[in-house]
Amino acid sequence: MKYRYIPTILLSAALLTACGSSGVKPVNGLAEATTTPAAAGTEAGSAAGGTVTIDLGNAAEGAAAAINEPEDLGFLAEFPYDTGSKKEYTVTETITTKASSFDQMEEYDEAHAIVLNLNGNGLEITTGAAASNEAKENYIAEAIVMDGNKICIVKSGTYILRGSLSGGQICFKGGADDKIQLVLDNADLSYTGGAPIFFESGDKALITLAPDSVNHVSDGIDSQDKGCIFSKIDLTINGSGSLEVTGAHNNGISCKDDLKILNGTITVQAAKNALKGNDSVVILGGNLTLSSKDDGIQSDKKEDETKGFLYLDGGVIDITADDDGLQAVTALVVKEGTTINIRCYDKKYNCDGYVEKPE
């Protein structure tokens, strides 16, 4: 991975109590910014300058600073993947699914990403964009806004999470065509009031588990969301790292659209379903250990005969469930080559529609 100089915006005070709840505010508009000037003989934008400190404890309303000579940072919203790598799978004669080029994208370049370094209740935001500090600061202010105790990402791009956040939420509020790659690189997120990770709007969300990383996400019994990781848009998980999810209130990983898992070491404990995708759940690899008080994996959309299916084609899956192991509406397919072990109190395979499973 390539590294370049990375100017910084630092949110240094308590995230929860200082942000308030008066609506969404641009990061740059929260307070007066103090910039450390570049050392003599150093080019502006180099490692010697460009540190901007924002004190949320003294936050005030205000507009983001204007860029005198705007620079094109559009590449921060672009993704490096091979558009010809899409893979398609036949579920039934009338149902197909796919792993798109975006779904398969595990690569990321930190120089072309925004990095969120979390420190308990604090947040440091950096970008490695090869542009002036002023342009970077303003791009960050446009891409990330604060809404009470929520850190809201509103622009397409790759965002890397590191460190811990307790009592706050990372959310994505993109436009209809916006996609996000959220890289978890030794992130520890907990939030008792809702989902620590929430994809609220946009086209598609991708969680990439960074190599050799160990990541934890947990909610509380008072959560208001339907999953510890909750998405209202298509959600894919890939990468070679590990992820531990504890859903104390509802589902572990929950998606209102299509949920796909391509790889990774994933452990889920949930008060209801461990994995739920309303439209579908597709597993193409990985090592999954799922424990639930309801179903292990569930897809239950009944209104569309092409939705509400499970498709498992690869990986090692271990399920302990107090209800069904696998529950679907239209189709339940487990292909040869999938290693699956189910311990449950009801049916291992529960589907009124098409069922295909190993002998």
Protein backbone atom coordinates (compact mmCIF):
# COMPACT_ATOMS: atom_id res chain seq x y z
CA MET A 1 0.00 0.00 0.00
CA LYS A 2 1.32 3.44 -0.89
CA TYR A 3 1.46 6.26 1.64
CA ARG A 4 1.64 9.98 0.93
CA TYR A 5 1.69 13.04 3.14
CA ILE A 6 -1.57 13.28 5.03
CA PRO A 7 -2.78 16.59 6.44
CA THR A 8 -5.20 16.23 9.32
CA ILE A 9 -8.43 17.58 10.74
CA LEU A 10 -8.70 16.76 14.45
CA LEU A 11 -11.96 16.64 16.38
CA SER A 12 -10.51 16.72 19.84
CA ALA A 13 -13.37 16.92 22.35
CA ALA A 14 -16.12 14.53 23.44
CA LEU A 15 -18.16 13.46 20.43
CA LEU A 16 -21.44 12.82 22.19
CA THR A 17 -21.88 15.78 24.48
CA ALA A 18 -20.26 18.43 22.36
CA CYS A 19 -21.94 18.01 19.00
CA GLY A 20 -25.42 18.76 20.18
CA SER A 21 -28.58 17.70 18.35
CA SER A 22 -29.55 20.80 16.38
CA GLY A 23 -29.12 19.13 13.02
CA VAL A 24 -26.40 18.29 10.56
CA LYS A 25 -23.37 20.56 10.63
CA PRO A 26 -20.37 20.58 8.30
CA VAL A 27 -17.17 19.53 10.05
CA ASN A 28 -15.42 22.72 8.98
CA GLY A 29 -18.32 24.80 10.28
CA LEU A 30 -18.08 23.60 13.83
CA ALA A 31 -15.42 25.93 15.14
CA GLU A 32 -12.60 28.29 14.38
CA ALA A 33 -9.79 26.34 12.74
CA THR A 34 -6.16 26.91 13.67
CA THR A 35 -3.66 25.92 10.99
CA THR A 36 -0.03 25.14 11.67
CA PRO A 37 1.97 26.97 8.97
CA ALA A 38 4.46 25.12 6.82
CA ALA A 39 8.08 25.41 7.83
CA ALA A 40 10.29 27.74 5.85
CA GLY A 41 11.31 26.27 2.53
CA THR A 42 8.59 23.60 2.68
CA GLU A 43 5.97 23.36 -0.02
CA ALA A 44 2.43 24.06 1.20
CA GLY A 45 0.58 20.79 1.69
CA SER A 46 3.63 18.81 2.76
CA ALA A 47 3.95 16.82 5.96
CA ALA A 48 5.29 19.86 7.82
CA GLY A 49 2.06 21.83 7.64
CA GLY A 50 -1.69 21.66 7.37
CA THR A 51 -2.78 20.36 10.77
CA VAL A 52 -6.20 21.77 11.54
CA THR A 53 -7.60 21.45 15.06
CA ILE A 54 -11.32 21.76 15.76
CA ASP A 55 -12.47 21.94 19.37
CA LEU A 56 -15.97 20.52 19.56
CA GLY A 57 -16.24 21.64 23.14
CA ASN A 58 -16.49 25.21 21.86
CA ALA A 59 -18.41 24.36 18.70
CA ALA A 60 -20.34 27.13 17.02
CA GLU A 61 -22.51 27.37 13.93
CA GLY A 62 -20.72 28.61 10.83
CA ALA A 63 -20.18 28.05 7.15
CA ALA A 64 -17.29 26.05 5.76
CA ALA A 65 -14.43 28.18 4.48
CA ALA A 66 -14.43 28.87 0.76
CA ILE A 67 -11.75 27.49 -1.54
CA ASN A 68 -10.13 30.35 -3.40
CA GLU A 69 -8.91 28.15 -6.26
CA PRO A 70 -10.90 24.91 -6.17
CA GLU A 71 -8.96 21.76 -6.97
CA ASP A 72 -10.40 18.59 -8.43
CA LEU A 73 -10.57 15.93 -5.71
CA GLY A 74 -13.16 13.90 -7.59
CA PHE A 75 -10.86 10.88 -7.64
CA LEU A 76 -11.64 10.40 -3.94
CA ALA A 77 -15.12 9.31 -5.03
CA GLU A 78 -13.82 6.81 -7.59
CA PHE A 79 -13.16 3.09 -7.07
CA PRO A 80 -10.31 1.02 -8.58
CA TYR A 81 -11.96 -2.17 -9.80
CA ASP A 82 -12.12 -4.23 -12.96
CA THR A 83 -15.56 -3.69 -14.46
CA GLY A 84 -15.32 -7.03 -16.24
CA SER A 85 -15.01 -9.15 -13.10
CA LYS A 86 -18.74 -9.61 -12.46
CA LYS A 87 -19.80 -13.18 -11.60
CA GLU A 88 -23.33 -14.51 -12.02
CA TYR A 89 -24.99 -17.45 -10.26
CA THR A 90 -28.17 -19.42 -11.00
CA VAL A 91 -30.37 -19.88 -7.95
CA THR A 92 -33.41 -21.36 -9.73
CA GLU A 93 -34.72 -21.31 -13.28
CA THR A 94 -36.23 -17.89 -12.62
CA ILE A 95 -33.84 -16.42 -10.02
CA THR A 96 -30.23 -15.34 -10.51
CA THR A 97 -27.78 -13.47 -8.34
CA LYS A 98 -24.35 -11.94 -8.88
CA ALA A 99 -21.17 -10.69 -7.31
CA SER A 100 -20.52 -7.40 -9.05
CA SER A 101 -17.11 -5.87 -9.67
CA PHE A 102 -17.78 -3.54 -6.75
CA ASP A 103 -18.73 -6.47 -4.49
CA GLN A 104 -15.39 -8.13 -5.22
CA MET A 105 -13.26 -5.03 -4.64
CA GLU A 106 -10.99 -5.65 -1.65
CA GLU A 107 -8.20 -3.31 -2.73
CA TYR A 108 -7.87 0.25 -1.49
CA ASP A 109 -5.19 2.92 -1.57
CA GLU A 110 -4.91 5.05 1.54
CA ALA A 111 -3.68 7.94 -0.58
CA HIS A 112 -7.06 7.87 -2.31
CA ALA A 113 -9.18 7.46 0.82
CA ILE A 114 -10.41 9.38 3.84
CA VAL A 115 -9.18 7.94 7.13
CA LEU A 116 -11.18 8.24 10.34
CA ASN A 117 -8.96 7.59 13.36
CA LEU A 118 -11.27 7.06 16.33
CA ASN A 119 -10.14 7.57 19.89
CA GLY A 120 -12.93 6.74 22.32
CA ASN A 121 -15.00 9.90 21.95
CA GLY A 122 -12.63 11.78 19.64
CA LEU A 123 -12.13 11.74 15.91
CA GLU A 124 -9.21 12.58 13.67
CA ILE A 125 -9.95 12.81 9.94
CA THR A 126 -7.23 12.69 7.29
CA THR A 127 -6.96 12.36 3.55
CA GLY A 128 -3.95 11.53 1.42
CA ALA A 129 -5.19 13.45 -1.60
CA ALA A 130 -2.40 15.06 -3.60
CA ALA A 131 -3.78 18.59 -3.34
CA SER A 132 -3.41 21.64 -1.15
CA ASN A 133 -4.38 21.56 2.51
CA GLU A 134 -7.23 24.00 1.94
CA ALA A 135 -8.79 21.81 -0.71
CA LYS A 136 -8.49 18.75 1.50
CA GLU A 137 -9.99 20.48 4.50
CA ASN A 138 -12.97 21.64 2.49
CA TYR A 139 -13.46 18.26 0.82
CA ILE A 140 -13.59 16.61 4.25
CA ALA A 141 -16.10 19.22 5.39
CA GLU A 142 -18.29 18.36 2.40
CA ALA A 143 -17.91 14.58 2.78
CA ILE A 144 -18.45 14.19 6.54
CA VAL A 145 -20.99 16.02 8.67
CA MET A 146 -21.95 15.76 12.32
CA ASP A 147 -25.53 15.08 13.41
CA GLY A 148 -25.66 14.87 17.18
CA ASN A 149 -23.68 11.76 18.10
CA LYS A 150 -23.59 10.55 14.50
CA ILE A 151 -20.66 10.83 12.11
CA CYS A 152 -22.45 11.02 8.77
CA ILE A 153 -20.65 10.28 5.50
CA VAL A 154 -22.47 11.88 2.58
CA LYS A 155 -20.12 11.36 -0.38
CA SER A 156 -19.05 8.30 -2.37
CA GLY A 157 -15.57 6.99 -1.72
CA THR A 158 -13.35 4.77 0.39
CA TYR A 159 -13.38 5.50 4.13
CA ILE A 160 -11.02 3.71 6.54
CA LEU A 161 -12.01 3.26 10.20
CA ARG A 162 -9.37 2.70 12.87
CA GLY A 163 -9.51 2.80 16.66
CA SER A 164 -12.50 2.82 19.01
CA LEU A 165 -15.76 4.73 19.27
CA SER A 166 -18.11 4.31 22.21
CA GLY A 167 -21.59 5.81 22.21
CA GLY A 168 -21.66 7.05 18.62
CA GLN A 169 -22.68 5.94 15.16
CA ILE A 170 -20.97 5.81 11.77
CA CYS A 171 -23.65 6.34 9.15
CA PHE A 172 -23.76 6.70 5.36
CA LYS A 173 -26.32 9.08 3.85
CA GLY A 174 -25.49 9.03 0.17
CA GLY A 175 -27.45 10.02 -2.90
CA ALA A 176 -29.18 7.52 -5.15
CA ASP A 177 -25.99 6.84 -7.17
CA ASP A 178 -23.49 6.99 -4.30
CA LYS A 179 -21.47 3.97 -3.17
CA ILE A 180 -19.23 3.57 -0.13
CA GLN A 181 -16.37 1.23 0.68
CA LEU A 182 -16.01 1.22 4.47
CA VAL A 183 -12.70 -0.41 5.44
CA LEU A 184 -12.56 -1.74 9.02
CA ASP A 185 -8.92 -1.77 10.12
CA ASN A 186 -8.86 -2.76 13.81
CA ALA A 187 -12.04 -0.84 14.60
CA ASP A 188 -13.96 -1.27 17.86
CA LEU A 189 -17.42 0.32 17.72
CA SER A 190 -20.17 0.22 20.35
CA TYR A 191 -23.44 2.13 20.64
CA THR A 192 -26.28 1.23 23.01
CA GLY A 193 -28.86 3.51 21.34
CA GLY A 194 -28.69 2.08 17.83
CA ALA A 195 -26.57 0.44 15.16
CA PRO A 196 -22.90 1.47 15.45
CA ILE A 197 -22.74 1.12 11.64
CA PHE A 198 -25.81 2.27 9.69
CA PHE A 199 -26.10 2.59 5.91
CA GLU A 200 -29.16 4.80 5.63
CA SER A 201 -29.24 5.74 1.94
CA GLY A 202 -27.27 5.43 -1.28
CA ASP A 203 -26.79 2.91 -4.06
CA LYS A 204 -24.61 0.28 -2.41
CA ALA A 205 -22.42 -0.31 0.64
CA LEU A 206 -19.29 -2.44 0.91
CA ILE A 207 -17.54 -3.37 4.16
CA THR A 208 -13.95 -4.51 3.59
CA LEU A 209 -12.15 -6.25 6.46
CA ALA A 210 -8.53 -5.11 6.24
CA PRO A 211 -5.84 -7.82 6.14
CA ASP A 212 -4.81 -9.08 9.62
CA SER A 213 -7.37 -6.79 11.28
CA VAL A 214 -9.62 -7.72 14.20
CA ASN A 215 -12.82 -5.67 14.35
CA HIS A 216 -15.63 -5.52 16.92
CA VAL A 217 -19.13 -4.03 16.60
CA SER A 218 -21.76 -4.18 19.37
CA ASP A 219 -25.07 -2.54 20.25
CA GLY A 220 -27.25 -2.56 23.38
CA ILE A 221 -30.66 -3.85 24.44
CA ASP A 222 -32.08 -0.31 24.04
CA SER A 223 -31.07 -0.03 20.40
CA GLN A 224 -33.72 1.43 18.08
CA ASP A 225 -32.38 -0.27 14.95
CA LYS A 226 -33.06 -3.71 13.47
CA GLY A 227 -29.45 -4.82 13.43
CA CYS A 228 -26.10 -4.18 15.05
CA ILE A 229 -24.84 -3.53 11.53
CA PHE A 230 -27.93 -2.23 9.72
CA SER A 231 -28.35 -1.31 6.07
CA LYS A 232 -31.29 0.01 4.09
CA ILE A 233 -29.34 -0.51 0.86
CA ASP A 234 -27.49 -3.47 -0.71
CA LEU A 235 -24.63 -4.51 1.59
CA THR A 236 -21.60 -6.68 0.81
CA ILE A 237 -18.84 -7.82 3.18
CA ASN A 238 -15.44 -8.92 1.88
CA GLY A 239 -11.77 -8.90 2.91
CA SER A 240 -9.41 -11.24 4.73
CA GLY A 241 -9.68 -9.74 8.23
CA SER A 242 -12.05 -10.71 11.04
CA LEU A 243 -15.28 -9.21 12.35
CA GLU A 244 -17.07 -9.91 15.63
CA VAL A 245 -20.67 -8.66 15.89
CA THR A 246 -22.81 -8.67 19.04
CA GLY A 247 -26.45 -7.74 18.45
CA ALA A 248 -27.99 -7.47 21.91
CA HIS A 249 -31.33 -6.01 20.75
CA ASN A 250 -32.28 -7.49 17.38
CA ASN A 251 -30.43 -8.99 14.41
CA GLY A 252 -26.67 -9.21 14.14
CA ILE A 253 -26.13 -8.08 10.54
CA SER A 254 -29.38 -6.90 8.96
CA CYS A 255 -30.09 -5.58 5.47
CA LYS A 256 -33.41 -4.47 3.96
CA ASP A 257 -32.11 -5.31 0.46
CA ASP A 258 -29.50 -7.88 -0.65
CA LEU A 259 -26.85 -9.04 1.84
CA LYS A 260 -23.73 -10.70 0.40
CA ILE A 261 -20.69 -12.16 2.16
CA LEU A 262 -17.72 -13.01 -0.05
CA ASN A 263 -15.07 -13.83 2.55
CA GLY A 264 -13.65 -12.91 5.94
CA THR A 265 -13.77 -14.51 9.38
CA ILE A 266 -17.10 -13.41 10.83
CA THR A 267 -18.58 -14.22 14.24
CA VAL A 268 -22.12 -13.09 15.08
CA GLN A 269 -24.13 -13.38 18.28
CA ALA A 270 -27.67 -12.03 18.00
CA ALA A 271 -30.83 -11.65 20.08
CA LYS A 272 -32.84 -12.48 16.94
CA ASN A 273 -31.44 -13.54 13.54
CA ALA A 274 -27.67 -13.69 13.12
CA LEU A 275 -27.83 -12.71 9.41
CA LYS A 276 -30.89 -11.24 7.72
CA GLY A 277 -31.37 -9.92 4.20
CA ASN A 278 -34.97 -9.05 3.40
CA ASP A 279 -34.44 -9.51 -0.35
CA SER A 280 -31.75 -12.20 -0.17
CA VAL A 281 -28.68 -13.51 1.61
CA VAL A 282 -25.82 -14.74 -0.59
CA ILE A 283 -22.68 -16.35 0.89
CA LEU A 284 -19.82 -17.11 -1.49
CA GLY A 285 -16.99 -17.72 0.97
CA GLY A 286 -15.57 -16.95 4.37
CA ASN A 287 -15.52 -18.59 7.77
CA LEU A 288 -18.77 -17.82 9.61
CA THR A 289 -19.74 -18.68 13.19
CA LEU A 290 -23.34 -17.69 13.87
CA SER A 291 -25.28 -17.88 17.13
CA SER A 292 -28.87 -16.62 17.42
CA LYS A 293 -32.02 -16.68 19.55
CA ASP A 294 -34.09 -16.82 16.35
CA ASP A 295 -32.97 -18.05 12.90
CA GLY A 296 -29.35 -18.42 11.93
CA ILE A 297 -29.77 -16.93 8.43
CA GLN A 298 -33.08 -15.53 7.21
CA SER A 299 -34.61 -13.95 4.09
CA ASP A 300 -38.34 -13.36 4.28
CA LYS A 301 -39.55 -11.06 1.49
CA LYS A 302 -42.82 -12.53 0.18
CA GLU A 303 -44.07 -9.81 -2.16
CA ASP A 304 -41.62 -10.58 -4.99
CA GLU A 305 -41.17 -14.12 -6.31
CA THR A 306 -37.55 -13.31 -7.28
CA LYS A 307 -36.66 -12.25 -3.72
CA GLY A 308 -36.65 -13.89 -0.31
CA PHE A 309 -33.98 -16.48 -1.08
CA LEU A 310 -30.77 -17.87 0.44
CA TYR A 311 -27.88 -18.91 -1.80
CA LEU A 312 -24.79 -20.48 -0.18
CA ASP A 313 -21.96 -21.42 -2.50
CA GLY A 314 -18.68 -21.76 -0.61
CA GLY A 315 -17.21 -21.08 2.77
CA VAL A 316 -17.38 -22.73 6.19
CA ILE A 317 -20.56 -21.95 8.12
CA ASP A 318 -21.33 -23.01 11.69
CA ILE A 319 -24.81 -22.17 12.99
CA THR A 320 -26.32 -22.49 16.47
CA ALA A 321 -29.92 -21.26 16.49
CA ASP A 322 -32.88 -21.40 18.85
CA ASP A 323 -35.26 -21.49 15.86
CA ASP A 324 -34.46 -22.47 12.25
CA GLY A 325 -30.93 -22.82 10.98
CA LEU A 326 -31.72 -21.50 7.48
CA GLN A 327 -35.07 -19.86 6.70
CA ALA A 328 -36.17 -18.55 3.30
CA VAL A 329 -39.38 -17.92 1.36
CA THR A 330 -38.83 -18.53 -2.36
CA ALA A 331 -35.65 -20.62 -2.55
CA LEU A 332 -32.99 -22.13 -0.30
CA VAL A 333 -29.88 -23.34 -2.12
CA VAL A 334 -26.75 -24.80 -0.52
CA LYS A 335 -24.24 -25.83 -3.20
CA GLU A 336 -21.72 -28.64 -3.05
CA GLY A 337 -18.44 -27.33 -1.68
CA THR A 338 -20.12 -25.39 1.12
CA THR A 339 -19.19 -26.74 4.55
CA ILE A 340 -22.15 -26.20 6.85
CA ASN A 341 -22.90 -27.41 10.38
CA ILE A 342 -26.30 -26.57 11.88
CA ARG A 343 -27.50 -27.09 15.44
CA CYS A 344 -31.01 -25.76 16.01
CA TYR A 345 -34.25 -26.40 17.89
CA ASP A 346 -36.51 -26.24 14.84
CA LYS A 347 -35.81 -26.97 11.16
CA LYS A 348 -32.33 -26.95 9.72
CA TYR A 349 -33.67 -25.99 6.28
CA ASN A 350 -37.01 -24.16 6.28
CA CYS A 351 -38.42 -23.00 2.94
CA ASP A 352 -41.85 -23.44 1.32
CA GLY A 353 -40.34 -22.89 -2.12
CA TYR A 354 -37.43 -24.46 -3.97
CA VAL A 355 -34.86 -26.31 -1.82
CA GLU A 356 -31.48 -27.61 -2.98
CA LYS A 357 -28.98 -28.93 -0.47
CA PRO A 358 -26.22 -31.54 -0.22
CA GLU A 359 -27.24 -35.11 0.60
